[in-house]
Amino acid sequence: MYIHIGENKVLRKKDIAFVFDLDSATVSVHTRNFLKKAEKENRVILLGYDLPKSFVVTKDNLVYLSPFNTTTIKGFY
């Protein structure tokens, strides 16, 4: 099964490791450090021009910043 995460990007359900709300998850310093490290390593992919509401981490450690909220993404499951 494929999950639409924004801007014509779909991922296989089995390839998704985590889906996080961007506002609540970035309260933690650990999450902010993870995202900073991923950005330095060019593993962050921004989907669209809208303000991201969530981020999806794949099993191969790519991070997609999605304009969809977590409820919308999880609703595709």
PDB file of N, CA and C in Angstrom:
ATOM      1  N   MET A   1       0.837  -1.169   0.000  1.00  0.00           N
ATOM      2  CA  MET A   1       0.000   0.000   0.000  1.00  0.00           C
ATOM      3  C   MET A   1       0.889   1.242   0.000  1.00  0.00           C
ATOM      4  N   TYR A   2       0.444   2.293  -0.677  1.00  0.00           N
ATOM      5  CA  TYR A   2       1.172   3.542  -0.780  1.00  0.00           C
ATOM      6  C   TYR A   2       0.450   4.637   0.006  1.00  0.00           C
ATOM      7  N   ILE A   3       1.234   5.518   0.618  1.00  0.00           N
ATOM      8  CA  ILE A   3       0.702   6.605   1.434  1.00  0.00           C
ATOM      9  C   ILE A   3       1.113   7.928   0.797  1.00  0.00           C
ATOM     10  N   HIS A   4       0.143   8.800   0.549  1.00  0.00           N
ATOM     11  CA  HIS A   4       0.410  10.122  -0.011  1.00  0.00           C
ATOM     12  C   HIS A   4       0.803  11.057   1.133  1.00  0.00           C
ATOM     13  N   ILE A   5       1.969  11.701   1.035  1.00  0.00           N
ATOM     14  CA  ILE A   5       2.434  12.578   2.117  1.00  0.00           C
ATOM     15  C   ILE A   5       2.536  14.039   1.676  1.00  0.00           C
ATOM     16  N   GLY A   6       2.080  14.359   0.483  1.00  0.00           N
ATOM     17  CA  GLY A   6       2.058  15.733   0.002  1.00  0.00           C
ATOM     18  C   GLY A   6       2.825  15.925  -1.286  1.00  0.00           C
ATOM     19  N   GLU A   7       2.391  16.951  -2.064  1.00  0.00           N
ATOM     20  CA  GLU A   7       3.076  17.340  -3.301  1.00  0.00           C
ATOM     21  C   GLU A   7       3.426  16.171  -4.212  1.00  0.00           C
ATOM     22  N   ASN A   8       2.461  15.352  -4.479  1.00  0.00           N
ATOM     23  CA  ASN A   8       2.632  14.215  -5.393  1.00  0.00           C
ATOM     24  C   ASN A   8       3.679  13.210  -4.944  1.00  0.00           C
ATOM     25  N   LYS A   9       3.988  13.194  -3.656  1.00  0.00           N
ATOM     26  CA  LYS A   9       4.955  12.228  -3.121  1.00  0.00           C
ATOM     27  C   LYS A   9       4.204  11.120  -2.407  1.00  0.00           C
ATOM     28  N   VAL A  10       4.486   9.901  -2.791  1.00  0.00           N
ATOM     29  CA  VAL A  10       3.910   8.740  -2.125  1.00  0.00           C
ATOM     30  C   VAL A  10       5.042   7.843  -1.649  1.00  0.00           C
ATOM     31  N   LEU A  11       4.824   7.221  -0.517  1.00  0.00           N
ATOM     32  CA  LEU A  11       5.781   6.275   0.044  1.00  0.00           C
ATOM     33  C   LEU A  11       5.073   4.956   0.291  1.00  0.00           C
ATOM     34  N   ARG A  12       5.817   3.895   0.209  1.00  0.00           N
ATOM     35  CA  ARG A  12       5.236   2.607   0.572  1.00  0.00           C
ATOM     36  C   ARG A  12       5.032   2.596   2.084  1.00  0.00           C
ATOM     37  N   LYS A  13       3.909   2.082   2.519  1.00  0.00           N
ATOM     38  CA  LYS A  13       3.582   2.047   3.944  1.00  0.00           C
ATOM     39  C   LYS A  13       4.676   1.356   4.747  1.00  0.00           C
ATOM     40  N   LYS A  14       5.219   0.295   4.204  1.00  0.00           N
ATOM     41  CA  LYS A  14       6.231  -0.470   4.939  1.00  0.00           C
ATOM     42  C   LYS A  14       7.558   0.277   5.050  1.00  0.00           C
ATOM     43  N   ASP A  15       7.756   1.342   4.255  1.00  0.00           N
ATOM     44  CA  ASP A  15       8.991   2.126   4.309  1.00  0.00           C
ATOM     45  C   ASP A  15       8.932   3.270   5.320  1.00  0.00           C
ATOM     46  N   ILE A  16       7.747   3.548   5.853  1.00  0.00           N
ATOM     47  CA  ILE A  16       7.586   4.635   6.819  1.00  0.00           C
ATOM     48  C   ILE A  16       7.899   4.117   8.215  1.00  0.00           C
ATOM     49  N   ALA A  17       8.840   4.791   8.884  1.00  0.00           N
ATOM     50  CA  ALA A  17       9.196   4.412  10.250  1.00  0.00           C
ATOM     51  C   ALA A  17       8.375   5.213  11.265  1.00  0.00           C
ATOM     52  N   PHE A  18       8.286   6.541  11.070  1.00  0.00           N
ATOM     53  CA  PHE A  18       7.590   7.411  12.020  1.00  0.00           C
ATOM     54  C   PHE A  18       6.911   8.558  11.306  1.00  0.00           C
ATOM     55  N   VAL A  19       5.834   9.042  11.915  1.00  0.00           N
ATOM     56  CA  VAL A  19       5.164  10.269  11.481  1.00  0.00           C
ATOM     57  C   VAL A  19       5.017  11.143  12.724  1.00  0.00           C
ATOM     58  N   PHE A  20       5.571  12.358  12.658  1.00  0.00           N
ATOM     59  CA  PHE A  20       5.559  13.249  13.810  1.00  0.00           C
ATOM     60  C   PHE A  20       4.877  14.572  13.486  1.00  0.00           C
ATOM     61  N   ASP A  21       4.192  15.133  14.476  1.00  0.00           N
ATOM     62  CA  ASP A  21       3.689  16.497  14.390  1.00  0.00           C
ATOM     63  C   ASP A  21       4.879  17.424  14.588  1.00  0.00           C
ATOM     64  N   LEU A  22       5.082  18.358  13.679  1.00  0.00           N
ATOM     65  CA  LEU A  22       6.267  19.206  13.725  1.00  0.00           C
ATOM     66  C   LEU A  22       6.282  20.103  14.958  1.00  0.00           C
ATOM     67  N   ASP A  23       5.137  20.681  15.321  1.00  0.00           N
ATOM     68  CA  ASP A  23       5.094  21.589  16.472  1.00  0.00           C
ATOM     69  C   ASP A  23       5.371  20.885  17.788  1.00  0.00           C
ATOM     70  N   SER A  24       4.703  19.783  18.028  1.00  0.00           N
ATOM     71  CA  SER A  24       4.862  19.122  19.325  1.00  0.00           C
ATOM     72  C   SER A  24       6.169  18.341  19.427  1.00  0.00           C
ATOM     73  N   ALA A  25       6.641  17.791  18.332  1.00  0.00           N
ATOM     74  CA  ALA A  25       7.875  16.981  18.385  1.00  0.00           C
ATOM     75  C   ALA A  25       9.119  17.840  18.547  1.00  0.00           C
ATOM     76  N   THR A  26       9.107  19.046  18.004  1.00  0.00           N
ATOM     77  CA  THR A  26      10.309  19.873  18.059  1.00  0.00           C
ATOM     78  C   THR A  26      10.475  20.588  19.394  1.00  0.00           C
ATOM     79  N   VAL A  27       9.593  20.331  20.332  1.00  0.00           N
ATOM     80  CA  VAL A  27       9.780  20.831  21.687  1.00  0.00           C
ATOM     81  C   VAL A  27      10.996  20.160  22.312  1.00  0.00           C
ATOM     82  N   SER A  28      11.222  18.928  21.973  1.00  0.00           N
ATOM     83  CA  SER A  28      12.343  18.159  22.510  1.00  0.00           C
ATOM     84  C   SER A  28      13.651  18.546  21.824  1.00  0.00           C
ATOM     85  N   VAL A  29      14.676  18.753  22.621  1.00  0.00           N
ATOM     86  CA  VAL A  29      15.995  19.078  22.081  1.00  0.00           C
ATOM     87  C   VAL A  29      16.545  17.914  21.253  1.00  0.00           C
ATOM     88  N   HIS A  30      16.197  16.704  21.598  1.00  0.00           N
ATOM     89  CA  HIS A  30      16.667  15.527  20.854  1.00  0.00           C
ATOM     90  C   HIS A  30      16.107  15.514  19.429  1.00  0.00           C
ATOM     91  N   THR A  31      14.833  15.872  19.311  1.00  0.00           N
ATOM     92  CA  THR A  31      14.219  15.920  17.985  1.00  0.00           C
ATOM     93  C   THR A  31      14.834  17.039  17.153  1.00  0.00           C
ATOM     94  N   ARG A  32      15.038  18.194  17.757  1.00  0.00           N
ATOM     95  CA  ARG A  32      15.662  19.307  17.032  1.00  0.00           C
ATOM     96  C   ARG A  32      17.068  18.932  16.573  1.00  0.00           C
ATOM     97  N   ASN A  33      17.816  18.256  17.426  1.00  0.00           N
ATOM     98  CA  ASN A  33      19.163  17.814  17.041  1.00  0.00           C
ATOM     99  C   ASN A  33      19.120  16.801  15.902  1.00  0.00           C
ATOM    100  N   PHE A  34      18.151  15.888  15.962  1.00  0.00           N
ATOM    101  CA  PHE A  34      17.979  14.903  14.887  1.00  0.00           C
ATOM    102  C   PHE A  34      17.710  15.606  13.561  1.00  0.00           C
ATOM    103  N   LEU A  35      16.808  16.582  13.579  1.00  0.00           N
ATOM    104  CA  LEU A  35      16.467  17.296  12.350  1.00  0.00           C
ATOM    105  C   LEU A  35      17.643  18.135  11.842  1.00  0.00           C
ATOM    106  N   LYS A  36      18.382  18.759  12.732  1.00  0.00           N
ATOM    107  CA  LYS A  36      19.559  19.535  12.320  1.00  0.00           C
ATOM    108  C   LYS A  36      20.596  18.634  11.665  1.00  0.00           C
ATOM    109  N   LYS A  37      20.832  17.476  12.273  1.00  0.00           N
ATOM    110  CA  LYS A  37      21.808  16.537  11.720  1.00  0.00           C
ATOM    111  C   LYS A  37      21.358  16.030  10.352  1.00  0.00           C
ATOM    112  N   ALA A  38      20.071  15.705  10.229  1.00  0.00           N
ATOM    113  CA  ALA A  38      19.533  15.233   8.951  1.00  0.00           C
ATOM    114  C   ALA A  38      19.663  16.309   7.876  1.00  0.00           C
ATOM    115  N   GLU A  39      19.449  17.563   8.265  1.00  0.00           N
ATOM    116  CA  GLU A  39      19.568  18.651   7.299  1.00  0.00           C
ATOM    117  C   GLU A  39      21.021  18.831   6.847  1.00  0.00           C
ATOM    118  N   LYS A  40      21.956  18.744   7.773  1.00  0.00           N
ATOM    119  CA  LYS A  40      23.381  18.859   7.421  1.00  0.00           C
ATOM    120  C   LYS A  40      23.821  17.743   6.489  1.00  0.00           C
ATOM    121  N   GLU A  41      23.197  16.573   6.637  1.00  0.00           N
ATOM    122  CA  GLU A  41      23.537  15.415   5.810  1.00  0.00           C
ATOM    123  C   GLU A  41      22.695  15.340   4.537  1.00  0.00           C
ATOM    124  N   ASN A  42      21.930  16.398   4.260  1.00  0.00           N
ATOM    125  CA  ASN A  42      21.076  16.479   3.058  1.00  0.00           C
ATOM    126  C   ASN A  42      20.069  15.341   2.976  1.00  0.00           C
ATOM    127  N   ARG A  43      19.496  14.975   4.116  1.00  0.00           N
ATOM    128  CA  ARG A  43      18.484  13.919   4.146  1.00  0.00           C
ATOM    129  C   ARG A  43      17.080  14.476   4.348  1.00  0.00           C
ATOM    130  N   VAL A  44      16.934  15.812   4.355  1.00  0.00           N
ATOM    131  CA  VAL A  44      15.631  16.445   4.566  1.00  0.00           C
ATOM    132  C   VAL A  44      15.077  16.896   3.228  1.00  0.00           C
ATOM    133  N   ILE A  45      13.832  16.525   2.965  1.00  0.00           N
ATOM    134  CA  ILE A  45      13.165  16.863   1.710  1.00  0.00           C
ATOM    135  C   ILE A  45      11.899  17.638   2.045  1.00  0.00           C
ATOM    136  N   LEU A  46      11.838  18.877   1.578  1.00  0.00           N
ATOM    137  CA  LEU A  46      10.669  19.729   1.795  1.00  0.00           C
ATOM    138  C   LEU A  46       9.662  19.474   0.687  1.00  0.00           C
ATOM    139  N   LEU A  47       8.454  19.141   1.069  1.00  0.00           N
ATOM    140  CA  LEU A  47       7.398  18.866   0.101  1.00  0.00           C
ATOM    141  C   LEU A  47       6.499  20.093  -0.016  1.00  0.00           C
ATOM    142  N   GLY A  48       6.665  20.861  -1.062  1.00  0.00           N
ATOM    143  CA  GLY A  48       5.829  22.016  -1.312  1.00  0.00           C
ATOM    144  C   GLY A  48       6.365  23.290  -0.697  1.00  0.00           C
ATOM    145  N   TYR A  49       5.584  24.337  -0.859  1.00  0.00           N
ATOM    146  CA  TYR A  49       5.977  25.661  -0.399  1.00  0.00           C
ATOM    147  C   TYR A  49       5.199  26.093   0.833  1.00  0.00           C
ATOM    148  N   ASP A  50       4.216  25.319   1.237  1.00  0.00           N
ATOM    149  CA  ASP A  50       3.448  25.636   2.433  1.00  0.00           C
ATOM    150  C   ASP A  50       4.262  25.328   3.675  1.00  0.00           C
ATOM    151  N   LEU A  51       3.876  25.943   4.775  1.00  0.00           N
ATOM    152  CA  LEU A  51       4.524  25.686   6.052  1.00  0.00           C
ATOM    153  C   LEU A  51       4.328  24.223   6.426  1.00  0.00           C
ATOM    154  N   PRO A  52       5.402  23.482   6.712  1.00  0.00           N
ATOM    155  CA  PRO A  52       5.253  22.067   7.064  1.00  0.00           C
ATOM    156  C   PRO A  52       4.519  21.899   8.389  1.00  0.00           C
ATOM    157  N   LYS A  53       3.682  20.884   8.444  1.00  0.00           N
ATOM    158  CA  LYS A  53       2.926  20.581   9.660  1.00  0.00           C
ATOM    159  C   LYS A  53       3.400  19.292  10.317  1.00  0.00           C
ATOM    160  N   SER A  54       4.067  18.458   9.552  1.00  0.00           N
ATOM    161  CA  SER A  54       4.532  17.182  10.097  1.00  0.00           C
ATOM    162  C   SER A  54       5.800  16.776   9.370  1.00  0.00           C
ATOM    163  N   PHE A  55       6.444  15.768   9.927  1.00  0.00           N
ATOM    164  CA  PHE A  55       7.563  15.181   9.200  1.00  0.00           C
ATOM    165  C   PHE A  55       7.481  13.675   9.285  1.00  0.00           C
ATOM    166  N   VAL A  56       7.889  13.054   8.195  1.00  0.00           N
ATOM    167  CA  VAL A  56       7.835  11.604   8.046  1.00  0.00           C
ATOM    168  C   VAL A  56       9.269  11.108   7.934  1.00  0.00           C
ATOM    169  N   VAL A  57       9.612  10.141   8.770  1.00  0.00           N
ATOM    170  CA  VAL A  57      10.946   9.541   8.732  1.00  0.00           C
ATOM    171  C   VAL A  57      10.800   8.147   8.132  1.00  0.00           C
ATOM    172  N   THR A  58      11.603   7.883   7.121  1.00  0.00           N
ATOM    173  CA  THR A  58      11.550   6.571   6.484  1.00  0.00           C
ATOM    174  C   THR A  58      12.577   5.644   7.123  1.00  0.00           C
ATOM    175  N   LYS A  59      12.463   4.380   6.822  1.00  0.00           N
ATOM    176  CA  LYS A  59      13.386   3.396   7.380  1.00  0.00           C
ATOM    177  C   LYS A  59      14.820   3.593   6.899  1.00  0.00           C
ATOM    178  N   ASP A  60      14.982   4.274   5.758  1.00  0.00           N
ATOM    179  CA  ASP A  60      16.344   4.564   5.283  1.00  0.00           C
ATOM    180  C   ASP A  60      16.810   5.957   5.731  1.00  0.00           C
ATOM    181  N   ASN A  61      16.136   6.508   6.767  1.00  0.00           N
ATOM    182  CA  ASN A  61      16.508   7.761   7.436  1.00  0.00           C
ATOM    183  C   ASN A  61      16.371   9.011   6.589  1.00  0.00           C
ATOM    184  N   LEU A  62      15.493   9.017   5.602  1.00  0.00           N
ATOM    185  CA  LEU A  62      15.140  10.251   4.918  1.00  0.00           C
ATOM    186  C   LEU A  62      14.041  10.924   5.729  1.00  0.00           C
ATOM    187  N   VAL A  63      14.048  12.254   5.725  1.00  0.00           N
ATOM    188  CA  VAL A  63      13.051  13.017   6.468  1.00  0.00           C
ATOM    189  C   VAL A  63      12.289  13.881   5.474  1.00  0.00           C
ATOM    190  N   TYR A  64      10.978  13.676   5.392  1.00  0.00           N
ATOM    191  CA  TYR A  64      10.126  14.456   4.515  1.00  0.00           C
ATOM    192  C   TYR A  64       9.319  15.429   5.353  1.00  0.00           C
ATOM    193  N   LEU A  65       9.437  16.739   5.053  1.00  0.00           N
ATOM    194  CA  LEU A  65       8.631  17.754   5.712  1.00  0.00           C
ATOM    195  C   LEU A  65       7.355  17.916   4.900  1.00  0.00           C
ATOM    196  N   SER A  66       6.243  17.573   5.513  1.00  0.00           N
ATOM    197  CA  SER A  66       4.972  17.491   4.802  1.00  0.00           C
ATOM    198  C   SER A  66       4.033  18.633   5.181  1.00  0.00           C
ATOM    199  N   PRO A  67       3.295  19.164   4.198  1.00  0.00           N
ATOM    200  CA  PRO A  67       2.282  20.175   4.502  1.00  0.00           C
ATOM    201  C   PRO A  67       1.027  19.567   5.133  1.00  0.00           C
ATOM    202  N   PHE A  68       0.928  18.247   5.177  1.00  0.00           N
ATOM    203  CA  PHE A  68      -0.222  17.566   5.781  1.00  0.00           C
ATOM    204  C   PHE A  68       0.009  17.412   7.278  1.00  0.00           C
ATOM    205  N   ASN A  69      -1.081  17.436   8.034  1.00  0.00           N
ATOM    206  CA  ASN A  69      -0.929  17.151   9.463  1.00  0.00           C
ATOM    207  C   ASN A  69      -0.894  15.634   9.663  1.00  0.00           C
ATOM    208  N   THR A  70      -0.501  15.217  10.841  1.00  0.00           N
ATOM    209  CA  THR A  70      -0.325  13.785  11.104  1.00  0.00           C
ATOM    210  C   THR A  70      -1.630  13.010  10.970  1.00  0.00           C
ATOM    211  N   THR A  71      -2.721  13.629  11.352  1.00  0.00           N
ATOM    212  CA  THR A  71      -4.019  12.960  11.242  1.00  0.00           C
ATOM    213  C   THR A  71      -4.348  12.638   9.793  1.00  0.00           C
ATOM    214  N   THR A  72      -4.047  13.549   8.906  1.00  0.00           N
ATOM    215  CA  THR A  72      -4.301  13.317   7.487  1.00  0.00           C
ATOM    216  C   THR A  72      -3.438  12.193   6.956  1.00  0.00           C
ATOM    217  N   ILE A  73      -2.168  12.209   7.292  1.00  0.00           N
ATOM    218  CA  ILE A  73      -1.268  11.146   6.816  1.00  0.00           C
ATOM    219  C   ILE A  73      -1.680   9.798   7.394  1.00  0.00           C
ATOM    220  N   LYS A  74      -1.962   9.749   8.669  1.00  0.00           N
ATOM    221  CA  LYS A  74      -2.360   8.480   9.294  1.00  0.00           C
ATOM    222  C   LYS A  74      -3.708   8.014   8.769  1.00  0.00           C
ATOM    223  N   GLY A  75      -4.538   8.945   8.307  1.00  0.00           N
ATOM    224  CA  GLY A  75      -5.833   8.582   7.742  1.00  0.00           C
ATOM    225  C   GLY A  75      -5.705   7.796   6.443  1.00  0.00           C
ATOM    226  N   PHE A  76      -4.571   7.951   5.758  1.00  0.00           N
ATOM    227  CA  PHE A  76      -4.335   7.193   4.533  1.00  0.00           C
ATOM    228  C   PHE A  76      -3.999   5.734   4.812  1.00  0.00           C
ATOM    229  N   TYR A  77      -3.658   5.411   6.073  1.00  0.00           N
ATOM    230  CA  TYR A  77      -3.361   4.028   6.421  1.00  0.00           C
ATOM    231  C   TYR A  77      -4.611   3.256   6.238  1.00  0.00           C
TER     232      TYR A  77
END
